[in-house]
PDB file of all heavy atoms in Angstrom:
ATOM      1  N   LEU A   1       0.798  -1.235  -0.010  1.00  0.00           N
ATOM      2  CA  LEU A   1      -0.038  -0.067  -0.002  1.00  0.00           C
ATOM      3  C   LEU A   1       0.846   1.263   0.041  1.00  0.00           C
ATOM      4  O   LEU A   1       0.481   2.216  -0.618  1.00  0.00           O
ATOM      5  CB  LEU A   1      -0.979   0.066   1.254  1.00  0.00           C
ATOM      6  CG  LEU A   1      -2.049   1.045   1.208  1.00  0.00           C
ATOM      7  CD1 LEU A   1      -2.900   0.868   0.003  1.00  0.00           C
ATOM      8  CD2 LEU A   1      -2.863   0.944   2.499  1.00  0.00           C
ATOM      9  N   ILE A   2       2.023   1.221   0.657  1.00  0.00           N
ATOM     10  CA  ILE A   2       2.870   2.379   0.723  1.00  0.00           C
ATOM     11  C   ILE A   2       3.344   2.690  -0.722  1.00  0.00           C
ATOM     12  O   ILE A   2       3.655   3.829  -1.076  1.00  0.00           O
ATOM     13  CB  ILE A   2       3.971   2.200   1.691  1.00  0.00           C
ATOM     14  CG1 ILE A   2       4.849   3.490   1.879  1.00  0.00           C
ATOM     15  CG2 ILE A   2       5.024   1.120   1.302  1.00  0.00           C
ATOM     16  CD1 ILE A   2       4.169   4.467   2.597  1.00  0.00           C
ATOM     17  N   GLU A   3       3.600   1.710  -1.514  1.00  0.00           N
ATOM     18  CA  GLU A   3       4.151   1.943  -2.889  1.00  0.00           C
ATOM     19  C   GLU A   3       3.039   2.702  -3.813  1.00  0.00           C
ATOM     20  O   GLU A   3       3.448   3.427  -4.712  1.00  0.00           O
ATOM     21  CB  GLU A   3       4.464   0.532  -3.483  1.00  0.00           C
ATOM     22  CG  GLU A   3       5.772  -0.001  -2.887  1.00  0.00           C
ATOM     23  CD  GLU A   3       6.009  -1.441  -3.432  1.00  0.00           C
ATOM     24  OE1 GLU A   3       5.296  -1.852  -4.406  1.00  0.00           O
ATOM     25  OE2 GLU A   3       6.812  -2.117  -2.948  1.00  0.00           O
ATOM     26  N   ILE A   4       1.893   2.432  -3.469  1.00  0.00           N
ATOM     27  CA  ILE A   4       0.835   3.052  -4.319  1.00  0.00           C
ATOM     28  C   ILE A   4       0.723   4.514  -3.891  1.00  0.00           C
ATOM     29  O   ILE A   4       0.592   5.458  -4.801  1.00  0.00           O
ATOM     30  CB  ILE A   4      -0.573   2.383  -3.932  1.00  0.00           C
ATOM     31  CG1 ILE A   4      -0.454   0.891  -4.497  1.00  0.00           C
ATOM     32  CG2 ILE A   4      -1.699   3.163  -4.680  1.00  0.00           C
ATOM     33  CD1 ILE A   4      -1.656   0.096  -4.103  1.00  0.00           C
ATOM     34  N   PHE A   5       0.779   4.872  -2.662  1.00  0.00           N
ATOM     35  CA  PHE A   5       0.566   6.321  -2.175  1.00  0.00           C
ATOM     36  C   PHE A   5       1.918   7.093  -2.114  1.00  0.00           C
ATOM     37  O   PHE A   5       1.804   8.308  -1.732  1.00  0.00           O
ATOM     38  CB  PHE A   5      -0.203   6.360  -0.935  1.00  0.00           C
ATOM     39  CG  PHE A   5      -1.534   5.928  -1.067  1.00  0.00           C
ATOM     40  CD1 PHE A   5      -2.024   4.671  -0.526  1.00  0.00           C
ATOM     41  CD2 PHE A   5      -2.437   6.710  -1.793  1.00  0.00           C
ATOM     42  CE1 PHE A   5      -3.343   4.330  -0.691  1.00  0.00           C
ATOM     43  CE2 PHE A   5      -3.787   6.287  -1.811  1.00  0.00           C
ATOM     44  CZ  PHE A   5      -4.224   5.123  -1.401  1.00  0.00           C
ATOM     45  N   LEU A   6       3.074   6.475  -2.351  1.00  0.00           N
ATOM     46  CA  LEU A   6       4.401   7.151  -2.119  1.00  0.00           C
ATOM     47  C   LEU A   6       4.400   8.441  -3.200  1.00  0.00           C
ATOM     48  O   LEU A   6       4.934   9.384  -2.563  1.00  0.00           O
ATOM     49  CB  LEU A   6       5.439   6.146  -2.463  1.00  0.00           C
ATOM     50  CG  LEU A   6       6.857   6.591  -2.017  1.00  0.00           C
ATOM     51  CD1 LEU A   6       6.836   6.964  -0.465  1.00  0.00           C
ATOM     52  CD2 LEU A   6       7.895   5.646  -2.345  1.00  0.00           C
ATOM     53  N   PRO A   7       4.115   8.373  -4.322  1.00  0.00           N
ATOM     54  CA  PRO A   7       4.172   9.590  -5.091  1.00  0.00           C
ATOM     55  C   PRO A   7       3.247  10.824  -4.562  1.00  0.00           C
ATOM     56  O   PRO A   7       3.667  11.909  -4.644  1.00  0.00           O
ATOM     57  CB  PRO A   7       3.672   9.250  -6.509  1.00  0.00           C
ATOM     58  CG  PRO A   7       4.037   7.804  -6.561  1.00  0.00           C
ATOM     59  CD  PRO A   7       3.749   7.252  -5.220  1.00  0.00           C
ATOM     60  N   LEU A   8       2.060  10.338  -4.063  1.00  0.00           N
ATOM     61  CA  LEU A   8       1.244  11.422  -3.559  1.00  0.00           C
ATOM     62  C   LEU A   8       1.718  11.990  -2.198  1.00  0.00           C
ATOM     63  O   LEU A   8       1.701  13.248  -1.970  1.00  0.00           O
ATOM     64  CB  LEU A   8      -0.182  10.874  -3.293  1.00  0.00           C
ATOM     65  CG  LEU A   8      -1.249  11.769  -2.730  1.00  0.00           C
ATOM     66  CD1 LEU A   8      -1.502  12.911  -3.615  1.00  0.00           C
ATOM     67  CD2 LEU A   8      -2.500  11.081  -2.390  1.00  0.00           C
ATOM     68  N   ILE A   9       2.388  11.168  -1.385  1.00  0.00           N
ATOM     69  CA  ILE A   9       3.063  11.565  -0.164  1.00  0.00           C
ATOM     70  C   ILE A   9       4.185  12.480  -0.452  1.00  0.00           C
ATOM     71  O   ILE A   9       4.344  13.515   0.220  1.00  0.00           O
ATOM     72  CB  ILE A   9       3.387  10.373   0.724  1.00  0.00           C
ATOM     73  CG1 ILE A   9       2.131   9.568   1.233  1.00  0.00           C
ATOM     74  CG2 ILE A   9       4.282  10.790   1.953  1.00  0.00           C
ATOM     75  CD1 ILE A   9       2.471   8.312   1.801  1.00  0.00           C
ATOM     76  N   ASP A  10       4.939  12.122  -1.435  1.00  0.00           N
ATOM     77  CA  ASP A  10       6.108  12.836  -1.852  1.00  0.00           C
ATOM     78  C   ASP A  10       5.718  14.220  -2.391  1.00  0.00           C
ATOM     79  O   ASP A  10       6.307  15.242  -2.114  1.00  0.00           O
ATOM     80  CB  ASP A  10       6.893  12.099  -2.984  1.00  0.00           C
ATOM     81  CG  ASP A  10       8.145  12.812  -3.441  1.00  0.00           C
ATOM     82  OD1 ASP A  10       8.840  13.339  -2.432  1.00  0.00           O
ATOM     83  OD2 ASP A  10       8.490  12.670  -4.590  1.00  0.00           O
ATOM     84  N   LEU A  11       4.614  14.352  -3.199  1.00  0.00           N
ATOM     85  CA  LEU A  11       4.126  15.580  -3.688  1.00  0.00           C
ATOM     86  C   LEU A  11       3.648  16.478  -2.631  1.00  0.00           C
ATOM     87  O   LEU A  11       4.017  17.736  -2.608  1.00  0.00           O
ATOM     88  CB  LEU A  11       3.012  15.290  -4.745  1.00  0.00           C
ATOM     89  CG  LEU A  11       2.365  16.509  -5.434  1.00  0.00           C
ATOM     90  CD1 LEU A  11       3.430  17.188  -6.402  1.00  0.00           C
ATOM     91  CD2 LEU A  11       1.087  16.173  -6.115  1.00  0.00           C
ATOM     92  N   ILE A  12       2.934  15.970  -1.633  1.00  0.00           N
ATOM     93  CA  ILE A  12       2.353  16.741  -0.568  1.00  0.00           C
ATOM     94  C   ILE A  12       3.576  17.298   0.357  1.00  0.00           C
ATOM     95  O   ILE A  12       3.603  18.414   0.733  1.00  0.00           O
ATOM     96  CB  ILE A  12       1.358  15.930   0.328  1.00  0.00           C
ATOM     97  CG1 ILE A  12       0.168  15.699  -0.544  1.00  0.00           C
ATOM     98  CG2 ILE A  12       1.027  16.648   1.537  1.00  0.00           C
ATOM     99  CD1 ILE A  12      -0.798  14.700   0.115  1.00  0.00           C
ATOM    100  N   LEU A  13       4.559  16.374   0.631  1.00  0.00           N
ATOM    101  CA  LEU A  13       5.620  16.787   1.370  1.00  0.00           C
ATOM    102  C   LEU A  13       6.511  17.879   0.793  1.00  0.00           C
ATOM    103  O   LEU A  13       6.740  18.898   1.406  1.00  0.00           O
ATOM    104  CB  LEU A  13       6.578  15.561   1.692  1.00  0.00           C
ATOM    105  CG  LEU A  13       7.886  15.777   2.377  1.00  0.00           C
ATOM    106  CD1 LEU A  13       7.582  16.226   3.801  1.00  0.00           C
ATOM    107  CD2 LEU A  13       8.807  14.653   2.353  1.00  0.00           C
ATOM    108  N   LYS A  14       6.760  17.719  -0.537  1.00  0.00           N
ATOM    109  CA  LYS A  14       7.540  18.684  -1.266  1.00  0.00           C
ATOM    110  C   LYS A  14       6.871  20.010  -1.315  1.00  0.00           C
ATOM    111  O   LYS A  14       7.411  21.073  -1.299  1.00  0.00           O
ATOM    112  CB  LYS A  14       8.104  18.233  -2.606  1.00  0.00           C
ATOM    113  CG  LYS A  14       9.149  17.234  -2.338  1.00  0.00           C
ATOM    114  CD  LYS A  14       9.603  16.715  -3.737  1.00  0.00           C
ATOM    115  CE  LYS A  14      10.737  15.650  -3.526  1.00  0.00           C
ATOM    116  NZ  LYS A  14      11.136  15.074  -4.770  1.00  0.00           N
ATOM    117  N   THR A  15       5.567  19.896  -1.449  1.00  0.00           N
ATOM    118  CA  THR A  15       4.750  21.178  -1.596  1.00  0.00           C
ATOM    119  C   THR A  15       4.793  22.003  -0.274  1.00  0.00           C
ATOM    120  O   THR A  15       5.018  23.157  -0.335  1.00  0.00           O
ATOM    121  CB  THR A  15       3.244  20.886  -1.899  1.00  0.00           C
ATOM    122  OG1 THR A  15       3.094  20.216  -3.232  1.00  0.00           O
ATOM    123  CG2 THR A  15       2.376  22.147  -2.035  1.00  0.00           C
ATOM    124  N   VAL A  16       4.689  21.258   0.831  1.00  0.00           N
ATOM    125  CA  VAL A  16       4.816  21.870   2.123  1.00  0.00           C
ATOM    126  C   VAL A  16       6.143  22.471   2.319  1.00  0.00           C
ATOM    127  O   VAL A  16       6.393  23.652   2.808  1.00  0.00           O
ATOM    128  CB  VAL A  16       4.433  20.944   3.269  1.00  0.00           C
ATOM    129  CG1 VAL A  16       4.751  21.499   4.628  1.00  0.00           C
ATOM    130  CG2 VAL A  16       2.901  20.667   3.143  1.00  0.00           C
ATOM    131  N   LEU A  17       7.211  21.762   1.931  1.00  0.00           N
ATOM    132  CA  LEU A  17       8.599  22.175   2.091  1.00  0.00           C
ATOM    133  C   LEU A  17       8.872  23.409   1.194  1.00  0.00           C
ATOM    134  O   LEU A  17       9.566  24.386   1.634  1.00  0.00           O
ATOM    135  CB  LEU A  17       9.630  21.137   1.683  1.00  0.00           C
ATOM    136  CG  LEU A  17       9.703  19.930   2.770  1.00  0.00           C
ATOM    137  CD1 LEU A  17      10.638  18.918   2.196  1.00  0.00           C
ATOM    138  CD2 LEU A  17      10.245  20.562   4.020  1.00  0.00           C
ATOM    139  N   TYR A  18       8.332  23.456  -0.051  1.00  0.00           N
ATOM    140  CA  TYR A  18       8.422  24.633  -0.923  1.00  0.00           C
ATOM    141  C   TYR A  18       7.765  25.878  -0.208  1.00  0.00           C
ATOM    142  O   TYR A  18       8.412  26.901  -0.174  1.00  0.00           O
ATOM    143  CB  TYR A  18       7.897  24.456  -2.234  1.00  0.00           C
ATOM    144  CG  TYR A  18       8.923  23.840  -3.188  1.00  0.00           C
ATOM    145  CD1 TYR A  18       8.764  22.556  -3.759  1.00  0.00           C
ATOM    146  CD2 TYR A  18       9.929  24.611  -3.695  1.00  0.00           C
ATOM    147  CE1 TYR A  18       9.679  22.001  -4.616  1.00  0.00           C
ATOM    148  CE2 TYR A  18      10.841  24.047  -4.575  1.00  0.00           C
ATOM    149  CZ  TYR A  18      10.700  22.795  -5.041  1.00  0.00           C
ATOM    150  OH  TYR A  18      11.642  22.307  -5.942  1.00  0.00           O
ATOM    151  N   ILE A  19       6.593  25.642   0.323  1.00  0.00           N
ATOM    152  CA  ILE A  19       5.861  26.778   0.967  1.00  0.00           C
ATOM    153  C   ILE A  19       6.697  27.322   2.173  1.00  0.00           C
ATOM    154  O   ILE A  19       6.916  28.543   2.321  1.00  0.00           O
ATOM    155  CB  ILE A  19       4.454  26.283   1.469  1.00  0.00           C
ATOM    156  CG1 ILE A  19       3.648  26.098   0.199  1.00  0.00           C
ATOM    157  CG2 ILE A  19       3.941  27.398   2.334  1.00  0.00           C
ATOM    158  CD1 ILE A  19       2.333  25.432   0.514  1.00  0.00           C
ATOM    159  N   VAL A  20       7.286  26.356   2.973  1.00  0.00           N
ATOM    160  CA  VAL A  20       8.032  26.835   4.068  1.00  0.00           C
ATOM    161  C   VAL A  20       9.301  27.533   3.795  1.00  0.00           C
ATOM    162  O   VAL A  20       9.593  28.646   4.260  1.00  0.00           O
ATOM    163  CB  VAL A  20       8.349  25.547   5.037  1.00  0.00           C
ATOM    164  CG1 VAL A  20       9.448  25.920   6.061  1.00  0.00           C
ATOM    165  CG2 VAL A  20       7.067  25.016   5.691  1.00  0.00           C
ATOM    166  N   VAL A  21      10.053  26.995   2.788  1.00  0.00           N
ATOM    167  CA  VAL A  21      11.407  27.528   2.431  1.00  0.00           C
ATOM    168  C   VAL A  21      11.143  28.798   1.698  1.00  0.00           C
ATOM    169  O   VAL A  21      11.881  29.838   2.023  1.00  0.00           O
ATOM    170  CB  VAL A  21      12.185  26.538   1.583  1.00  0.00           C
ATOM    171  CG1 VAL A  21      13.416  27.275   0.933  1.00  0.00           C
ATOM    172  CG2 VAL A  21      12.600  25.398   2.382  1.00  0.00           C
ATOM    173  N   ILE A  22      10.118  28.979   0.859  1.00  0.00           N
ATOM    174  CA  ILE A  22       9.918  30.257   0.185  1.00  0.00           C
ATOM    175  C   ILE A  22       9.428  31.342   1.142  1.00  0.00           C
ATOM    176  O   ILE A  22       9.820  32.570   1.121  1.00  0.00           O
ATOM    177  CB  ILE A  22       8.936  29.940  -1.025  1.00  0.00           C
ATOM    178  CG1 ILE A  22       9.572  29.254  -2.178  1.00  0.00           C
ATOM    179  CG2 ILE A  22       8.289  31.353  -1.558  1.00  0.00           C
ATOM    180  CD1 ILE A  22       8.721  28.914  -3.237  1.00  0.00           C
ATOM    181  N   ARG A  23       8.612  30.906   2.096  1.00  0.00           N
ATOM    182  CA  ARG A  23       8.157  31.941   3.162  1.00  0.00           C
ATOM    183  C   ARG A  23       9.328  32.370   3.945  1.00  0.00           C
ATOM    184  O   ARG A  23       9.433  33.521   4.437  1.00  0.00           O
ATOM    185  CB  ARG A  23       7.068  31.410   4.002  1.00  0.00           C
ATOM    186  CG  ARG A  23       5.833  31.006   3.292  1.00  0.00           C
ATOM    187  CD  ARG A  23       5.051  32.233   2.737  1.00  0.00           C
ATOM    188  NE  ARG A  23       3.866  31.766   2.052  1.00  0.00           N
ATOM    189  CZ  ARG A  23       3.271  32.362   1.012  1.00  0.00           C
ATOM    190  NH1 ARG A  23       3.898  33.418   0.516  1.00  0.00           N
ATOM    191  NH2 ARG A  23       2.230  31.876   0.473  1.00  0.00           N
ATOM    192  N   MET A  24      10.326  31.435   4.277  1.00  0.00           N
ATOM    193  CA  MET A  24      11.463  31.835   5.031  1.00  0.00           C
ATOM    194  C   MET A  24      12.272  32.847   4.290  1.00  0.00           C
ATOM    195  O   MET A  24      12.926  33.693   4.940  1.00  0.00           O
ATOM    196  CB  MET A  24      12.307  30.553   5.439  1.00  0.00           C
ATOM    197  CG  MET A  24      11.744  29.801   6.503  1.00  0.00           C
ATOM    198  SD  MET A  24      12.589  28.175   6.839  1.00  0.00           S
ATOM    199  CE  MET A  24      14.364  28.589   6.794  1.00  0.00           C
ATOM    200  N   ARG A  25      12.271  32.788   3.002  1.00  0.00           N
ATOM    201  CA  ARG A  25      13.133  33.698   2.189  1.00  0.00           C
ATOM    202  C   ARG A  25      12.341  34.978   1.997  1.00  0.00           C
ATOM    203  O   ARG A  25      12.769  35.892   1.199  1.00  0.00           O
ATOM    204  CB  ARG A  25      13.482  33.155   0.856  1.00  0.00           C
ATOM    205  CG  ARG A  25      14.597  31.855   0.911  1.00  0.00           C
ATOM    206  CD  ARG A  25      15.918  32.333   1.221  1.00  0.00           C
ATOM    207  NE  ARG A  25      16.377  33.287   0.210  1.00  0.00           N
ATOM    208  CZ  ARG A  25      17.460  33.955   0.355  1.00  0.00           C
ATOM    209  NH1 ARG A  25      18.176  33.926   1.501  1.00  0.00           N
ATOM    210  NH2 ARG A  25      17.912  34.755  -0.527  1.00  0.00           N
ATOM    211  N   LYS A  26      11.117  35.098   2.528  1.00  0.00           N
ATOM    212  CA  LYS A  26      10.285  36.183   2.412  1.00  0.00           C
ATOM    213  C   LYS A  26       9.955  36.605   0.903  1.00  0.00           C
ATOM    214  O   LYS A  26       9.944  37.714   0.529  1.00  0.00           O
ATOM    215  CB  LYS A  26      10.903  37.451   3.075  1.00  0.00           C
ATOM    216  CG  LYS A  26      10.912  37.224   4.600  1.00  0.00           C
ATOM    217  CD  LYS A  26      11.557  38.430   5.254  1.00  0.00           C
ATOM    218  CE  LYS A  26      11.547  38.291   6.766  1.00  0.00           C
ATOM    219  NZ  LYS A  26      12.486  37.320   7.330  1.00  0.00           N
ATOM    220  N   LEU A  27       9.605  35.568   0.146  1.00  0.00           N
ATOM    221  CA  LEU A  27       9.216  35.742  -1.313  1.00  0.00           C
ATOM    222  C   LEU A  27       7.790  35.559  -1.392  1.00  0.00           C
ATOM    223  O   LEU A  27       7.121  34.839  -0.605  1.00  0.00           O
ATOM    224  CB  LEU A  27       9.926  34.721  -2.232  1.00  0.00           C
ATOM    225  CG  LEU A  27      11.447  34.797  -2.225  1.00  0.00           C
ATOM    226  CD1 LEU A  27      11.992  33.636  -2.944  1.00  0.00           C
ATOM    227  CD2 LEU A  27      11.918  36.051  -2.778  1.00  0.00           C
ATOM    228  N   GLU A  28       7.156  36.210  -2.334  1.00  0.00           N
ATOM    229  CA  GLU A  28       5.781  36.127  -2.596  1.00  0.00           C
ATOM    230  C   GLU A  28       5.552  35.128  -3.768  1.00  0.00           C
ATOM    231  O   GLU A  28       5.614  35.612  -4.976  1.00  0.00           O
ATOM    232  CB  GLU A  28       5.112  37.524  -2.825  1.00  0.00           C
ATOM    233  CG  GLU A  28       5.222  38.490  -1.720  1.00  0.00           C
ATOM    234  CD  GLU A  28       4.282  37.938  -0.552  1.00  0.00           C
ATOM    235  OE1 GLU A  28       3.351  37.378  -0.816  1.00  0.00           O
ATOM    236  OE2 GLU A  28       4.769  38.200   0.603  1.00  0.00           O
ATOM    237  N   VAL A  29       5.100  33.886  -3.456  1.00  0.00           N
ATOM    238  CA  VAL A  29       4.922  32.985  -4.467  1.00  0.00           C
ATOM    239  C   VAL A  29       3.578  32.336  -4.048  1.00  0.00           C
ATOM    240  O   VAL A  29       3.407  31.949  -2.919  1.00  0.00           O
ATOM    241  CB  VAL A  29       6.065  31.935  -4.552  1.00  0.00           C
ATOM    242  CG1 VAL A  29       5.743  30.794  -5.555  1.00  0.00           C
ATOM    243  CG2 VAL A  29       7.253  32.554  -4.965  1.00  0.00           C
ATOM    244  N   SER A  30       2.741  31.955  -5.017  1.00  0.00           N
ATOM    245  CA  SER A  30       1.466  31.384  -4.740  1.00  0.00           C
ATOM    246  C   SER A  30       1.635  29.827  -4.387  1.00  0.00           C
ATOM    247  O   SER A  30       2.578  29.202  -4.735  1.00  0.00           O
ATOM    248  CB  SER A  30       0.455  31.478  -5.966  1.00  0.00           C
ATOM    249  OG  SER A  30       1.051  30.714  -6.973  1.00  0.00           O
ATOM    250  N   ILE A  31       0.609  29.306  -3.781  1.00  0.00           N
ATOM    251  CA  ILE A  31       0.684  27.895  -3.293  1.00  0.00           C
ATOM    252  C   ILE A  31       0.543  27.062  -4.529  1.00  0.00           C
ATOM    253  O   ILE A  31       1.167  25.981  -4.579  1.00  0.00           O
ATOM    254  CB  ILE A  31      -0.514  27.574  -2.412  1.00  0.00           C
ATOM    255  CG1 ILE A  31      -0.289  28.390  -1.002  1.00  0.00           C
ATOM    256  CG2 ILE A  31      -0.612  26.139  -1.961  1.00  0.00           C
ATOM    257  CD1 ILE A  31      -1.378  28.270  -0.078  1.00  0.00           C
ATOM    258  N   LYS A  32      -0.116  27.519  -5.607  1.00  0.00           N
ATOM    259  CA  LYS A  32      -0.177  26.809  -6.804  1.00  0.00           C
ATOM    260  C   LYS A  32       1.184  26.606  -7.435  1.00  0.00           C
ATOM    261  O   LYS A  32       1.528  25.547  -7.948  1.00  0.00           O
ATOM    262  CB  LYS A  32      -1.158  27.522  -7.842  1.00  0.00           C
ATOM    263  CG  LYS A  32      -1.280  26.834  -9.154  1.00  0.00           C
ATOM    264  CD  LYS A  32      -2.198  27.499  -9.992  1.00  0.00           C
ATOM    265  CE  LYS A  32      -1.573  28.756 -10.601  1.00  0.00           C
ATOM    266  NZ  LYS A  32      -2.465  29.484 -11.712  1.00  0.00           N
TER     267      LYS A  32
END
């Protein structure tokens, strides 16, 4: 089951990491 949802988990994790790192750099980028 983990192999099926691994790409979705990876996408969600990296989206959250991009939001955090971009906000730390004080840049204005949309969540999209």
